[in-house]
Amino acid sequence: MAIVNKKNFNEFDELREPDKARIELLNFPAGTVGRFTLQPGWKWTESVGPIAGTKTCQAPHLGLVIKGSLTIFGDDNSEETFEAGDAYQILPGHTAQVNGDEEAVCFEFDSSTAQSYAK
């Protein structure tokens, strides 16, 4: 294995396209980096929920919003809105939606989530 590995999202390793979403993945020996592009009107319950087969998302997320706005709704009644520049850690037991008329773009760095999300 090389000491340094470089990849670019212009040539992603894997693509997933659930409803109103585009998930591009770069796979590295140490984990996976995902770019999530979520269209206006995207809701986890409508896009990924049917794929996951659960009422709420059971995956952990570690990432950064670079464009747009999302609101996360926790099973514990917590609610937080994330906008460009906000980094996040979201534990299992939540749903999410895009706010407004602009797409949301996030990078995720949790390899277990990026490897299995919306698959």
PDB file of N, CA and C in Angstrom:
ATOM      1  N   MET A   1       0.843  -1.175   0.000  1.00  0.00           N
ATOM      2  CA  MET A   1       0.000   0.000   0.000  1.00  0.00           C
ATOM      3  C   MET A   1       0.891   1.242   0.000  1.00  0.00           C
ATOM      4  N   ALA A   2       0.541   2.207  -0.835  1.00  0.00           N
ATOM      5  CA  ALA A   2       1.306   3.453  -0.932  1.00  0.00           C
ATOM      6  C   ALA A   2       1.130   4.290   0.333  1.00  0.00           C
ATOM      7  N   ILE A   3       2.113   5.085   0.653  1.00  0.00           N
ATOM      8  CA  ILE A   3       2.051   6.001   1.798  1.00  0.00           C
ATOM      9  C   ILE A   3       1.009   7.086   1.546  1.00  0.00           C
ATOM     10  N   VAL A   4       0.940   7.578   0.324  1.00  0.00           N
ATOM     11  CA  VAL A   4       0.011   8.647  -0.035  1.00  0.00           C
ATOM     12  C   VAL A   4      -0.910   8.140  -1.144  1.00  0.00           C
ATOM     13  N   ASN A   5      -2.205   8.344  -0.963  1.00  0.00           N
ATOM     14  CA  ASN A   5      -3.200   7.964  -1.968  1.00  0.00           C
ATOM     15  C   ASN A   5      -4.019   9.186  -2.334  1.00  0.00           C
ATOM     16  N   LYS A   6      -4.217   9.397  -3.622  1.00  0.00           N
ATOM     17  CA  LYS A   6      -4.979  10.552  -4.090  1.00  0.00           C
ATOM     18  C   LYS A   6      -6.091  10.084  -5.011  1.00  0.00           C
ATOM     19  N   LYS A   7      -7.280  10.648  -4.805  1.00  0.00           N
ATOM     20  CA  LYS A   7      -8.414  10.415  -5.695  1.00  0.00           C
ATOM     21  C   LYS A   7      -9.149  11.732  -5.865  1.00  0.00           C
ATOM     22  N   ASN A   8     -10.008  11.804  -6.875  1.00  0.00           N
ATOM     23  CA  ASN A   8     -10.756  13.022  -7.157  1.00  0.00           C
ATOM     24  C   ASN A   8     -12.204  12.648  -7.427  1.00  0.00           C
ATOM     25  N   PHE A   9     -13.138  13.477  -6.966  1.00  0.00           N
ATOM     26  CA  PHE A   9     -14.561  13.192  -7.171  1.00  0.00           C
ATOM     27  C   PHE A   9     -14.975  13.267  -8.642  1.00  0.00           C
ATOM     28  N   ASN A  10     -14.112  13.780  -9.519  1.00  0.00           N
ATOM     29  CA  ASN A  10     -14.411  13.738 -10.948  1.00  0.00           C
ATOM     30  C   ASN A  10     -14.358  12.315 -11.482  1.00  0.00           C
ATOM     31  N   GLU A  11     -13.712  11.412 -10.725  1.00  0.00           N
ATOM     32  CA  GLU A  11     -13.620  10.000 -11.096  1.00  0.00           C
ATOM     33  C   GLU A  11     -13.919   9.153  -9.864  1.00  0.00           C
ATOM     34  N   PHE A  12     -15.156   9.227  -9.366  1.00  0.00           N
ATOM     35  CA  PHE A  12     -15.555   8.515  -8.150  1.00  0.00           C
ATOM     36  C   PHE A  12     -15.535   7.002  -8.380  1.00  0.00           C
ATOM     37  N   ASP A  13     -15.434   6.255  -7.274  1.00  0.00           N
ATOM     38  CA  ASP A  13     -15.404   4.792  -7.328  1.00  0.00           C
ATOM     39  C   ASP A  13     -16.801   4.186  -7.400  1.00  0.00           C
ATOM     40  N   GLU A  14     -17.761   4.858  -6.793  1.00  0.00           N
ATOM     41  CA  GLU A  14     -19.120   4.319  -6.747  1.00  0.00           C
ATOM     42  C   GLU A  14     -20.118   5.466  -6.724  1.00  0.00           C
ATOM     43  N   LEU A  15     -21.279   5.221  -7.330  1.00  0.00           N
ATOM     44  CA  LEU A  15     -22.350   6.216  -7.379  1.00  0.00           C
ATOM     45  C   LEU A  15     -23.647   5.561  -6.923  1.00  0.00           C
ATOM     46  N   ARG A  16     -24.385   6.256  -6.056  1.00  0.00           N
ATOM     47  CA  ARG A  16     -25.723   5.827  -5.641  1.00  0.00           C
ATOM     48  C   ARG A  16     -26.660   7.010  -5.854  1.00  0.00           C
ATOM     49  N   GLU A  17     -27.866   6.718  -6.352  1.00  0.00           N
ATOM     50  CA  GLU A  17     -28.805   7.795  -6.644  1.00  0.00           C
ATOM     51  C   GLU A  17     -30.220   7.471  -6.149  1.00  0.00           C
ATOM     52  N   PRO A  18     -30.414   7.484  -4.826  1.00  0.00           N
ATOM     53  CA  PRO A  18     -31.786   7.385  -4.343  1.00  0.00           C
ATOM     54  C   PRO A  18     -32.547   8.661  -4.709  1.00  0.00           C
ATOM     55  N   ASP A  19     -33.849   8.689  -4.518  1.00  0.00           N
ATOM     56  CA  ASP A  19     -34.689   9.820  -4.895  1.00  0.00           C
ATOM     57  C   ASP A  19     -34.126  11.148  -4.400  1.00  0.00           C
ATOM     58  N   LYS A  20     -33.952  12.098  -5.304  1.00  0.00           N
ATOM     59  CA  LYS A  20     -33.494  13.468  -5.028  1.00  0.00           C
ATOM     60  C   LYS A  20     -32.107  13.523  -4.379  1.00  0.00           C
ATOM     61  N   ALA A  21     -31.279  12.496  -4.623  1.00  0.00           N
ATOM     62  CA  ALA A  21     -29.949  12.474  -4.013  1.00  0.00           C
ATOM     63  C   ALA A  21     -28.931  11.872  -4.972  1.00  0.00           C
ATOM     64  N   ARG A  22     -27.699  12.298  -4.801  1.00  0.00           N
ATOM     65  CA  ARG A  22     -26.566  11.734  -5.546  1.00  0.00           C
ATOM     66  C   ARG A  22     -25.453  11.553  -4.528  1.00  0.00           C
ATOM     67  N   ILE A  23     -24.963  10.327  -4.400  1.00  0.00           N
ATOM     68  CA  ILE A  23     -23.927  10.005  -3.434  1.00  0.00           C
ATOM     69  C   ILE A  23     -22.742   9.430  -4.200  1.00  0.00           C
ATOM     70  N   GLU A  24     -21.639  10.168  -4.200  1.00  0.00           N
ATOM     71  CA  GLU A  24     -20.420   9.754  -4.887  1.00  0.00           C
ATOM     72  C   GLU A  24     -19.406   9.333  -3.830  1.00  0.00           C
ATOM     73  N   LEU A  25     -18.779   8.180  -4.053  1.00  0.00           N
ATOM     74  CA  LEU A  25     -17.879   7.630  -3.054  1.00  0.00           C
ATOM     75  C   LEU A  25     -16.478   7.422  -3.601  1.00  0.00           C
ATOM     76  N   LEU A  26     -15.496   7.736  -2.759  1.00  0.00           N
ATOM     77  CA  LEU A  26     -14.095   7.442  -3.024  1.00  0.00           C
ATOM     78  C   LEU A  26     -13.650   6.450  -1.953  1.00  0.00           C
ATOM     79  N   ASN A  27     -13.202   5.277  -2.374  1.00  0.00           N
ATOM     80  CA  ASN A  27     -12.793   4.235  -1.440  1.00  0.00           C
ATOM     81  C   ASN A  27     -11.273   4.241  -1.273  1.00  0.00           C
ATOM     82  N   PHE A  28     -10.841   4.290  -0.023  1.00  0.00           N
ATOM     83  CA  PHE A  28      -9.428   4.249   0.335  1.00  0.00           C
ATOM     84  C   PHE A  28      -9.202   3.066   1.265  1.00  0.00           C
ATOM     85  N   PRO A  29      -7.961   2.612   1.406  1.00  0.00           N
ATOM     86  CA  PRO A  29      -7.699   1.530   2.346  1.00  0.00           C
ATOM     87  C   PRO A  29      -8.149   1.859   3.780  1.00  0.00           C
ATOM     88  N   ALA A  30      -8.053   3.120   4.176  1.00  0.00           N
ATOM     89  CA  ALA A  30      -8.416   3.515   5.540  1.00  0.00           C
ATOM     90  C   ALA A  30      -9.890   3.850   5.712  1.00  0.00           C
ATOM     91  N   GLY A  31     -10.666   3.923   4.636  1.00  0.00           N
ATOM     92  CA  GLY A  31     -12.074   4.257   4.741  1.00  0.00           C
ATOM     93  C   GLY A  31     -12.598   4.873   3.467  1.00  0.00           C
ATOM     94  N   THR A  32     -13.819   5.346   3.541  1.00  0.00           N
ATOM     95  CA  THR A  32     -14.504   5.896   2.377  1.00  0.00           C
ATOM     96  C   THR A  32     -14.882   7.342   2.641  1.00  0.00           C
ATOM     97  N   VAL A  33     -14.720   8.191   1.623  1.00  0.00           N
ATOM     98  CA  VAL A  33     -15.176   9.580   1.684  1.00  0.00           C
ATOM     99  C   VAL A  33     -16.353   9.698   0.726  1.00  0.00           C
ATOM    100  N   GLY A  34     -17.445  10.300   1.203  1.00  0.00           N
ATOM    101  CA  GLY A  34     -18.628  10.453   0.372  1.00  0.00           C
ATOM    102  C   GLY A  34     -18.992  11.904   0.163  1.00  0.00           C
ATOM    103  N   ARG A  35     -19.424  12.217  -1.060  1.00  0.00           N
ATOM    104  CA  ARG A  35     -19.999  13.534  -1.352  1.00  0.00           C
ATOM    105  C   ARG A  35     -21.482  13.309  -1.570  1.00  0.00           C
ATOM    106  N   PHE A  36     -22.290  13.921  -0.720  1.00  0.00           N
ATOM    107  CA  PHE A  36     -23.741  13.781  -0.751  1.00  0.00           C
ATOM    108  C   PHE A  36     -24.330  15.066  -1.323  1.00  0.00           C
ATOM    109  N   THR A  37     -25.020  14.980  -2.441  1.00  0.00           N
ATOM    110  CA  THR A  37     -25.712  16.123  -3.033  1.00  0.00           C
ATOM    111  C   THR A  37     -27.198  15.835  -2.943  1.00  0.00           C
ATOM    112  N   LEU A  38     -27.906  16.657  -2.169  1.00  0.00           N
ATOM    113  CA  LEU A  38     -29.320  16.444  -1.868  1.00  0.00           C
ATOM    114  C   LEU A  38     -30.129  17.594  -2.444  1.00  0.00           C
ATOM    115  N   GLN A  39     -31.114  17.271  -3.253  1.00  0.00           N
ATOM    116  CA  GLN A  39     -31.900  18.273  -3.966  1.00  0.00           C
ATOM    117  C   GLN A  39     -32.945  18.920  -3.064  1.00  0.00           C
ATOM    118  N   PRO A  40     -33.412  20.126  -3.425  1.00  0.00           N
ATOM    119  CA  PRO A  40     -34.509  20.748  -2.689  1.00  0.00           C
ATOM    120  C   PRO A  40     -35.685  19.768  -2.612  1.00  0.00           C
ATOM    121  N   GLY A  41     -36.309  19.712  -1.455  1.00  0.00           N
ATOM    122  CA  GLY A  41     -37.424  18.788  -1.245  1.00  0.00           C
ATOM    123  C   GLY A  41     -37.004  17.413  -0.748  1.00  0.00           C
ATOM    124  N   TRP A  42     -35.680  17.140  -0.689  1.00  0.00           N
ATOM    125  CA  TRP A  42     -35.203  15.844  -0.213  1.00  0.00           C
ATOM    126  C   TRP A  42     -35.554  15.659   1.250  1.00  0.00           C
ATOM    127  N   LYS A  43     -36.091  14.481   1.570  1.00  0.00           N
ATOM    128  CA  LYS A  43     -36.363  14.076   2.954  1.00  0.00           C
ATOM    129  C   LYS A  43     -35.880  12.641   3.116  1.00  0.00           C
ATOM    130  N   TRP A  44     -35.207  12.384   4.220  1.00  0.00           N
ATOM    131  CA  TRP A  44     -34.701  11.040   4.469  1.00  0.00           C
ATOM    132  C   TRP A  44     -35.836  10.019   4.440  1.00  0.00           C
ATOM    133  N   THR A  45     -36.970  10.371   5.021  1.00  0.00           N
ATOM    134  CA  THR A  45     -38.089   9.430   5.122  1.00  0.00           C
ATOM    135  C   THR A  45     -38.607   8.995   3.756  1.00  0.00           C
ATOM    136  N   GLU A  46     -38.447   9.838   2.734  1.00  0.00           N
ATOM    137  CA  GLU A  46     -38.940   9.512   1.398  1.00  0.00           C
ATOM    138  C   GLU A  46     -37.841   8.949   0.490  1.00  0.00           C
ATOM    139  N   SER A  47     -36.600   9.341   0.708  1.00  0.00           N
ATOM    140  CA  SER A  47     -35.506   8.974  -0.189  1.00  0.00           C
ATOM    141  C   SER A  47     -34.762   7.721   0.271  1.00  0.00           C
ATOM    142  N   VAL A  48     -34.310   7.730   1.497  1.00  0.00           N
ATOM    143  CA  VAL A  48     -33.461   6.645   1.984  1.00  0.00           C
ATOM    144  C   VAL A  48     -34.219   5.690   2.898  1.00  0.00           C
ATOM    145  N   GLY A  49     -35.217   6.193   3.603  1.00  0.00           N
ATOM    146  CA  GLY A  49     -35.995   5.343   4.509  1.00  0.00           C
ATOM    147  C   GLY A  49     -36.505   4.063   3.859  1.00  0.00           C
ATOM    148  N   PRO A  50     -37.106   4.147   2.660  1.00  0.00           N
ATOM    149  CA  PRO A  50     -37.577   2.919   2.019  1.00  0.00           C
ATOM    150  C   PRO A  50     -36.447   1.937   1.691  1.00  0.00           C
ATOM    151  N   ILE A  51     -35.253   2.444   1.420  1.00  0.00           N
ATOM    152  CA  ILE A  51     -34.098   1.581   1.140  1.00  0.00           C
ATOM    153  C   ILE A  51     -33.609   0.945   2.441  1.00  0.00           C
ATOM    154  N   ALA A  52     -33.516   1.764   3.493  1.00  0.00           N
ATOM    155  CA  ALA A  52     -33.019   1.275   4.785  1.00  0.00           C
ATOM    156  C   ALA A  52     -34.013   0.336   5.458  1.00  0.00           C
ATOM    157  N   GLY A  53     -35.313   0.563   5.220  1.00  0.00           N
ATOM    158  CA  GLY A  53     -36.330  -0.267   5.846  1.00  0.00           C
ATOM    159  C   GLY A  53     -36.519   0.027   7.324  1.00  0.00           C
ATOM    160  N   THR A  54     -36.131   1.227   7.751  1.00  0.00           N
ATOM    161  CA  THR A  54     -36.298   1.626   9.151  1.00  0.00           C
ATOM    162  C   THR A  54     -37.045   2.953   9.208  1.00  0.00           C
ATOM    163  N   LYS A  55     -37.634   3.235  10.362  1.00  0.00           N
ATOM    164  CA  LYS A  55     -38.397   4.474  10.540  1.00  0.00           C
ATOM    165  C   LYS A  55     -37.472   5.695  10.573  1.00  0.00           C
ATOM    166  N   THR A  56     -36.290   5.525  11.151  1.00  0.00           N
ATOM    167  CA  THR A  56     -35.295   6.597  11.208  1.00  0.00           C
ATOM    168  C   THR A  56     -33.932   6.042  10.803  1.00  0.00           C
ATOM    169  N   CYS A  57     -33.017   6.935  10.477  1.00  0.00           N
ATOM    170  CA  CYS A  57     -31.671   6.541  10.060  1.00  0.00           C
ATOM    171  C   CYS A  57     -30.910   5.958  11.253  1.00  0.00           C
ATOM    172  N   GLN A  58     -30.342   4.784  11.061  1.00  0.00           N
ATOM    173  CA  GLN A  58     -29.604   4.116  12.127  1.00  0.00           C
ATOM    174  C   GLN A  58     -28.093   4.150  11.892  1.00  0.00           C
ATOM    175  N   ALA A  59     -27.654   5.038  10.999  1.00  0.00           N
ATOM    176  CA  ALA A  59     -26.229   5.182  10.704  1.00  0.00           C
ATOM    177  C   ALA A  59     -25.670   6.414  11.413  1.00  0.00           C
ATOM    178  N   PRO A  60     -24.421   6.334  11.887  1.00  0.00           N
ATOM    179  CA  PRO A  60     -23.764   7.534  12.409  1.00  0.00           C
ATOM    180  C   PRO A  60     -23.199   8.337  11.237  1.00  0.00           C
ATOM    181  N   HIS A  61     -23.103   9.638  11.415  1.00  0.00           N
ATOM    182  CA  HIS A  61     -22.572  10.508  10.361  1.00  0.00           C
ATOM    183  C   HIS A  61     -21.521  11.445  10.957  1.00  0.00           C
ATOM    184  N   LEU A  62     -20.450  11.654  10.215  1.00  0.00           N
ATOM    185  CA  LEU A  62     -19.425  12.621  10.564  1.00  0.00           C
ATOM    186  C   LEU A  62     -19.107  13.353   9.276  1.00  0.00           C
ATOM    187  N   GLY A  63     -19.369  14.661   9.241  1.00  0.00           N
ATOM    188  CA  GLY A  63     -19.191  15.337   7.974  1.00  0.00           C
ATOM    189  C   GLY A  63     -19.161  16.844   8.073  1.00  0.00           C
ATOM    190  N   LEU A  64     -19.293  17.457   6.890  1.00  0.00           N
ATOM    191  CA  LEU A  64     -19.200  18.901   6.738  1.00  0.00           C
ATOM    192  C   LEU A  64     -20.152  19.344   5.636  1.00  0.00           C
ATOM    193  N   VAL A  65     -20.983  20.342   5.931  1.00  0.00           N
ATOM    194  CA  VAL A  65     -21.870  20.930   4.918  1.00  0.00           C
ATOM    195  C   VAL A  65     -21.068  21.989   4.174  1.00  0.00           C
ATOM    196  N   ILE A  66     -21.052  21.911   2.844  1.00  0.00           N
ATOM    197  CA  ILE A  66     -20.334  22.936   2.078  1.00  0.00           C
ATOM    198  C   ILE A  66     -21.273  23.837   1.284  1.00  0.00           C
ATOM    199  N   LYS A  67     -22.549  23.431   1.196  1.00  0.00           N
ATOM    200  CA  LYS A  67     -23.518  24.243   0.456  1.00  0.00           C
ATOM    201  C   LYS A  67     -24.914  23.895   0.955  1.00  0.00           C
ATOM    202  N   GLY A  68     -25.772  24.898   1.049  1.00  0.00           N
ATOM    203  CA  GLY A  68     -27.168  24.668   1.388  1.00  0.00           C
ATOM    204  C   GLY A  68     -27.430  24.540   2.875  1.00  0.00           C
ATOM    205  N   SER A  69     -28.605  23.987   3.190  1.00  0.00           N
ATOM    206  CA  SER A  69     -29.069  23.895   4.569  1.00  0.00           C
ATOM    207  C   SER A  69     -29.863  22.611   4.777  1.00  0.00           C
ATOM    208  N   LEU A  70     -29.590  21.939   5.890  1.00  0.00           N
ATOM    209  CA  LEU A  70     -30.305  20.720   6.281  1.00  0.00           C
ATOM    210  C   LEU A  70     -30.779  20.857   7.709  1.00  0.00           C
ATOM    211  N   THR A  71     -31.898  20.253   8.024  1.00  0.00           N
ATOM    212  CA  THR A  71     -32.324  20.132   9.411  1.00  0.00           C
ATOM    213  C   THR A  71     -32.355  18.650   9.763  1.00  0.00           C
ATOM    214  N   ILE A  72     -31.792  18.338  10.927  1.00  0.00           N
ATOM    215  CA  ILE A  72     -31.768  16.974  11.450  1.00  0.00           C
ATOM    216  C   ILE A  72     -32.743  16.913  12.615  1.00  0.00           C
ATOM    217  N   PHE A  73     -33.557  15.855  12.631  1.00  0.00           N
ATOM    218  CA  PHE A  73     -34.550  15.645  13.681  1.00  0.00           C
ATOM    219  C   PHE A  73     -34.202  14.352  14.406  1.00  0.00           C
ATOM    220  N   GLY A  74     -33.837  14.443  15.693  1.00  0.00           N
ATOM    221  CA  GLY A  74     -33.455  13.263  16.459  1.00  0.00           C
ATOM    222  C   GLY A  74     -34.659  12.558  17.065  1.00  0.00           C
ATOM    223  N   ASP A  75     -34.512  11.252  17.257  1.00  0.00           N
ATOM    224  CA  ASP A  75     -35.554  10.476  17.935  1.00  0.00           C
ATOM    225  C   ASP A  75     -35.799  10.982  19.353  1.00  0.00           C
ATOM    226  N   ASP A  76     -34.827  11.689  19.925  1.00  0.00           N
ATOM    227  CA  ASP A  76     -34.947  12.243  21.281  1.00  0.00           C
ATOM    228  C   ASP A  76     -35.594  13.629  21.273  1.00  0.00           C
ATOM    229  N   ASN A  77     -36.222  14.002  20.156  1.00  0.00           N
ATOM    230  CA  ASN A  77     -36.868  15.316  19.958  1.00  0.00           C
ATOM    231  C   ASN A  77     -35.880  16.464  19.795  1.00  0.00           C
ATOM    232  N   SER A  78     -34.600  16.170  19.642  1.00  0.00           N
ATOM    233  CA  SER A  78     -33.642  17.233  19.340  1.00  0.00           C
ATOM    234  C   SER A  78     -33.804  17.632  17.877  1.00  0.00           C
ATOM    235  N   GLU A  79     -33.415  18.839  17.571  1.00  0.00           N
ATOM    236  CA  GLU A  79     -33.501  19.357  16.202  1.00  0.00           C
ATOM    237  C   GLU A  79     -32.377  20.361  16.013  1.00  0.00           C
ATOM    238  N   GLU A  80     -31.667  20.237  14.891  1.00  0.00           N
ATOM    239  CA  GLU A  80     -30.574  21.164  14.621  1.00  0.00           C
ATOM    240  C   GLU A  80     -30.505  21.427  13.129  1.00  0.00           C
ATOM    241  N   THR A  81     -30.287  22.694  12.774  1.00  0.00           N
ATOM    242  CA  THR A  81     -30.114  23.071  11.376  1.00  0.00           C
ATOM    243  C   THR A  81     -28.633  23.294  11.113  1.00  0.00           C
ATOM    244  N   PHE A  82     -28.157  22.731   9.999  1.00  0.00           N
ATOM    245  CA  PHE A  82     -26.760  22.840   9.602  1.00  0.00           C
ATOM    246  C   PHE A  82     -26.693  23.571   8.271  1.00  0.00           C
ATOM    247  N   GLU A  83     -25.738  24.506   8.168  1.00  0.00           N
ATOM    248  CA  GLU A  83     -25.550  25.282   6.949  1.00  0.00           C
ATOM    249  C   GLU A  83     -24.089  25.227   6.524  1.00  0.00           C
ATOM    250  N   ALA A  84     -23.804  25.777   5.364  1.00  0.00           N
ATOM    251  CA  ALA A  84     -22.445  25.749   4.818  1.00  0.00           C
ATOM    252  C   ALA A  84     -21.431  26.173   5.872  1.00  0.00           C
ATOM    253  N   GLY A  85     -20.392  25.365   6.023  1.00  0.00           N
ATOM    254  CA  GLY A  85     -19.345  25.626   7.001  1.00  0.00           C
ATOM    255  C   GLY A  85     -19.526  24.871   8.300  1.00  0.00           C
ATOM    256  N   ASP A  86     -20.698  24.297   8.532  1.00  0.00           N
ATOM    257  CA  ASP A  86     -20.954  23.550   9.770  1.00  0.00           C
ATOM    258  C   ASP A  86     -20.468  22.110   9.633  1.00  0.00           C
ATOM    259  N   ALA A  87     -19.664  21.686  10.585  1.00  0.00           N
ATOM    260  CA  ALA A  87     -19.267  20.275  10.694  1.00  0.00           C
ATOM    261  C   ALA A  87     -20.266  19.605  11.625  1.00  0.00           C
ATOM    262  N   TYR A  88     -20.439  18.294  11.450  1.00  0.00           N
ATOM    263  CA  TYR A  88     -21.441  17.602  12.268  1.00  0.00           C
ATOM    264  C   TYR A  88     -21.035  16.184  12.622  1.00  0.00           C
ATOM    265  N   GLN A  89     -21.557  15.770  13.764  1.00  0.00           N
ATOM    266  CA  GLN A  89     -21.594  14.375  14.158  1.00  0.00           C
ATOM    267  C   GLN A  89     -23.039  14.103  14.512  1.00  0.00           C
ATOM    268  N   ILE A  90     -23.623  13.121  13.858  1.00  0.00           N
ATOM    269  CA  ILE A  90     -25.023  12.776  14.086  1.00  0.00           C
ATOM    270  C   ILE A  90     -25.065  11.293  14.436  1.00  0.00           C
ATOM    271  N   LEU A  91     -25.656  10.987  15.567  1.00  0.00           N
ATOM    272  CA  LEU A  91     -25.734   9.605  16.019  1.00  0.00           C
ATOM    273  C   LEU A  91     -26.947   8.899  15.416  1.00  0.00           C
ATOM    274  N   PRO A  92     -26.974   7.569  15.445  1.00  0.00           N
ATOM    275  CA  PRO A  92     -28.136   6.833  14.938  1.00  0.00           C
ATOM    276  C   PRO A  92     -29.418   7.279  15.639  1.00  0.00           C
ATOM    277  N   GLY A  93     -30.531   7.232  14.882  1.00  0.00           N
ATOM    278  CA  GLY A  93     -31.828   7.609  15.433  1.00  0.00           C
ATOM    279  C   GLY A  93     -32.227   9.019  15.037  1.00  0.00           C
ATOM    280  N   HIS A  94     -32.303   9.274  13.741  1.00  0.00           N
ATOM    281  CA  HIS A  94     -32.630  10.624  13.267  1.00  0.00           C
ATOM    282  C   HIS A  94     -33.229  10.551  11.861  1.00  0.00           C
ATOM    283  N   THR A  95     -33.836  11.645  11.459  1.00  0.00           N
ATOM    284  CA  THR A  95     -34.223  11.864  10.068  1.00  0.00           C
ATOM    285  C   THR A  95     -33.656  13.221   9.671  1.00  0.00           C
ATOM    286  N   ALA A  96     -33.805  13.572   8.384  1.00  0.00           N
ATOM    287  CA  ALA A  96     -33.242  14.837   7.905  1.00  0.00           C
ATOM    288  C   ALA A  96     -34.044  15.326   6.712  1.00  0.00           C
ATOM    289  N   GLN A  97     -33.907  16.622   6.446  1.00  0.00           N
ATOM    290  CA  GLN A  97     -34.517  17.200   5.246  1.00  0.00           C
ATOM    291  C   GLN A  97     -33.713  18.393   4.792  1.00  0.00           C
ATOM    292  N   VAL A  98     -33.768  18.664   3.484  1.00  0.00           N
ATOM    293  CA  VAL A  98     -33.138  19.850   2.910  1.00  0.00           C
ATOM    294  C   VAL A  98     -34.091  21.020   3.107  1.00  0.00           C
ATOM    295  N   ASN A  99     -33.532  22.170   3.469  1.00  0.00           N
ATOM    296  CA  ASN A  99     -34.322  23.392   3.659  1.00  0.00           C
ATOM    297  C   ASN A  99     -34.193  24.292   2.440  1.00  0.00           C
ATOM    298  N   GLY A 100     -35.273  24.917   2.044  1.00  0.00           N
ATOM    299  CA  GLY A 100     -35.227  25.935   1.000  1.00  0.00           C
ATOM    300  C   GLY A 100     -35.130  25.380  -0.408  1.00  0.00           C
ATOM    301  N   ASP A 101     -34.759  26.273  -1.324  1.00  0.00           N
ATOM    302  CA  ASP A 101     -34.730  25.967  -2.757  1.00  0.00           C
ATOM    303  C   ASP A 101     -33.328  25.687  -3.300  1.00  0.00           C
ATOM    304  N   GLU A 102     -32.340  25.538  -2.422  1.00  0.00           N
ATOM    305  CA  GLU A 102     -30.970  25.279  -2.843  1.00  0.00           C
ATOM    306  C   GLU A 102     -30.581  23.851  -2.452  1.00  0.00           C
ATOM    307  N   GLU A 103     -29.851  23.176  -3.333  1.00  0.00           N
ATOM    308  CA  GLU A 103     -29.369  21.839  -2.984  1.00  0.00           C
ATOM    309  C   GLU A 103     -28.414  21.935  -1.807  1.00  0.00           C
ATOM    310  N   ALA A 104     -28.324  20.845  -1.044  1.00  0.00           N
ATOM    311  CA  ALA A 104     -27.360  20.751   0.048  1.00  0.00           C
ATOM    312  C   ALA A 104     -26.255  19.795  -0.404  1.00  0.00           C
ATOM    313  N   VAL A 105     -25.003  20.186  -0.144  1.00  0.00           N
ATOM    314  CA  VAL A 105     -23.862  19.337  -0.478  1.00  0.00           C
ATOM    315  C   VAL A 105     -23.050  19.141   0.795  1.00  0.00           C
ATOM    316  N   CYS A 106     -22.794  17.875   1.106  1.00  0.00           N
ATOM    317  CA  CYS A 106     -22.041  17.521   2.309  1.00  0.00           C
ATOM    318  C   CYS A 106     -20.956  16.518   1.954  1.00  0.00           C
ATOM    319  N   PHE A 107     -19.858  16.567   2.678  1.00  0.00           N
ATOM    320  CA  PHE A 107     -18.840  15.531   2.604  1.00  0.00           C
ATOM    321  C   PHE A 107     -18.909  14.735   3.893  1.00  0.00           C
ATOM    322  N   GLU A 108     -18.897  13.415   3.778  1.00  0.00           N
ATOM    323  CA  GLU A 108     -18.939  12.544   4.954  1.00  0.00           C
ATOM    324  C   GLU A 108     -17.659  11.739   5.028  1.00  0.00           C
ATOM    325  N   PHE A 109     -17.188  11.559   6.262  1.00  0.00           N
ATOM    326  CA  PHE A 109     -15.896  10.925   6.486  1.00  0.00           C
ATOM    327  C   PHE A 109     -15.971   9.685   7.351  1.00  0.00           C
ATOM    328  N   ASP A 110     -17.134   9.305   7.787  1.00  0.00           N
ATOM    329  CA  ASP A 110     -17.291   8.096   8.592  1.00  0.00           C
ATOM    330  C   ASP A 110     -17.345   6.911   7.644  1.00  0.00           C
ATOM    331  N   SER A 111     -16.318   6.109   7.628  1.00  0.00           N
ATOM    332  CA  SER A 111     -16.223   5.066   6.617  1.00  0.00           C
ATOM    333  C   SER A 111     -17.369   4.070   6.688  1.00  0.00           C
ATOM    334  N   SER A 112     -17.861   3.735   7.871  1.00  0.00           N
ATOM    335  CA  SER A 112     -18.940   2.752   7.945  1.00  0.00           C
ATOM    336  C   SER A 112     -20.225   3.299   7.334  1.00  0.00           C
ATOM    337  N   THR A 113     -20.496   4.574   7.510  1.00  0.00           N
ATOM    338  CA  THR A 113     -21.692   5.162   6.907  1.00  0.00           C
ATOM    339  C   THR A 113     -21.553   5.280   5.403  1.00  0.00           C
ATOM    340  N   ALA A 114     -20.457   5.844   4.940  1.00  0.00           N
ATOM    341  CA  ALA A 114     -20.282   6.055   3.511  1.00  0.00           C
ATOM    342  C   ALA A 114     -20.314   4.732   2.752  1.00  0.00           C
ATOM    343  N   GLN A 115     -19.820   3.666   3.363  1.00  0.00           N
ATOM    344  CA  GLN A 115     -19.791   2.372   2.677  1.00  0.00           C
ATOM    345  C   GLN A 115     -21.173   1.757   2.512  1.00  0.00           C
ATOM    346  N   SER A 116     -22.101   2.004   3.447  1.00  0.00           N
ATOM    347  CA  SER A 116     -23.393   1.305   3.398  1.00  0.00           C
ATOM    348  C   SER A 116     -24.593   2.211   3.158  1.00  0.00           C
ATOM    349  N   TYR A 117     -24.442   3.509   3.184  1.00  0.00           N
ATOM    350  CA  TYR A 117     -25.566   4.435   3.109  1.00  0.00           C
ATOM    351  C   TYR A 117     -26.301   4.335   1.768  1.00  0.00           C
ATOM    352  N   ALA A 118     -27.605   4.188   1.823  1.00  0.00           N
ATOM    353  CA  ALA A 118     -28.482   4.149   0.637  1.00  0.00           C
ATOM    354  C   ALA A 118     -28.093   3.023  -0.325  1.00  0.00           C
ATOM    355  N   LYS A 119     -27.646   1.928   0.222  1.00  0.00           N
ATOM    356  CA  LYS A 119     -27.243   0.805  -0.634  1.00  0.00           C
ATOM    357  C   LYS A 119     -28.217  -0.342  -0.446  1.00  0.00           C
TER     358      LYS A 119
END
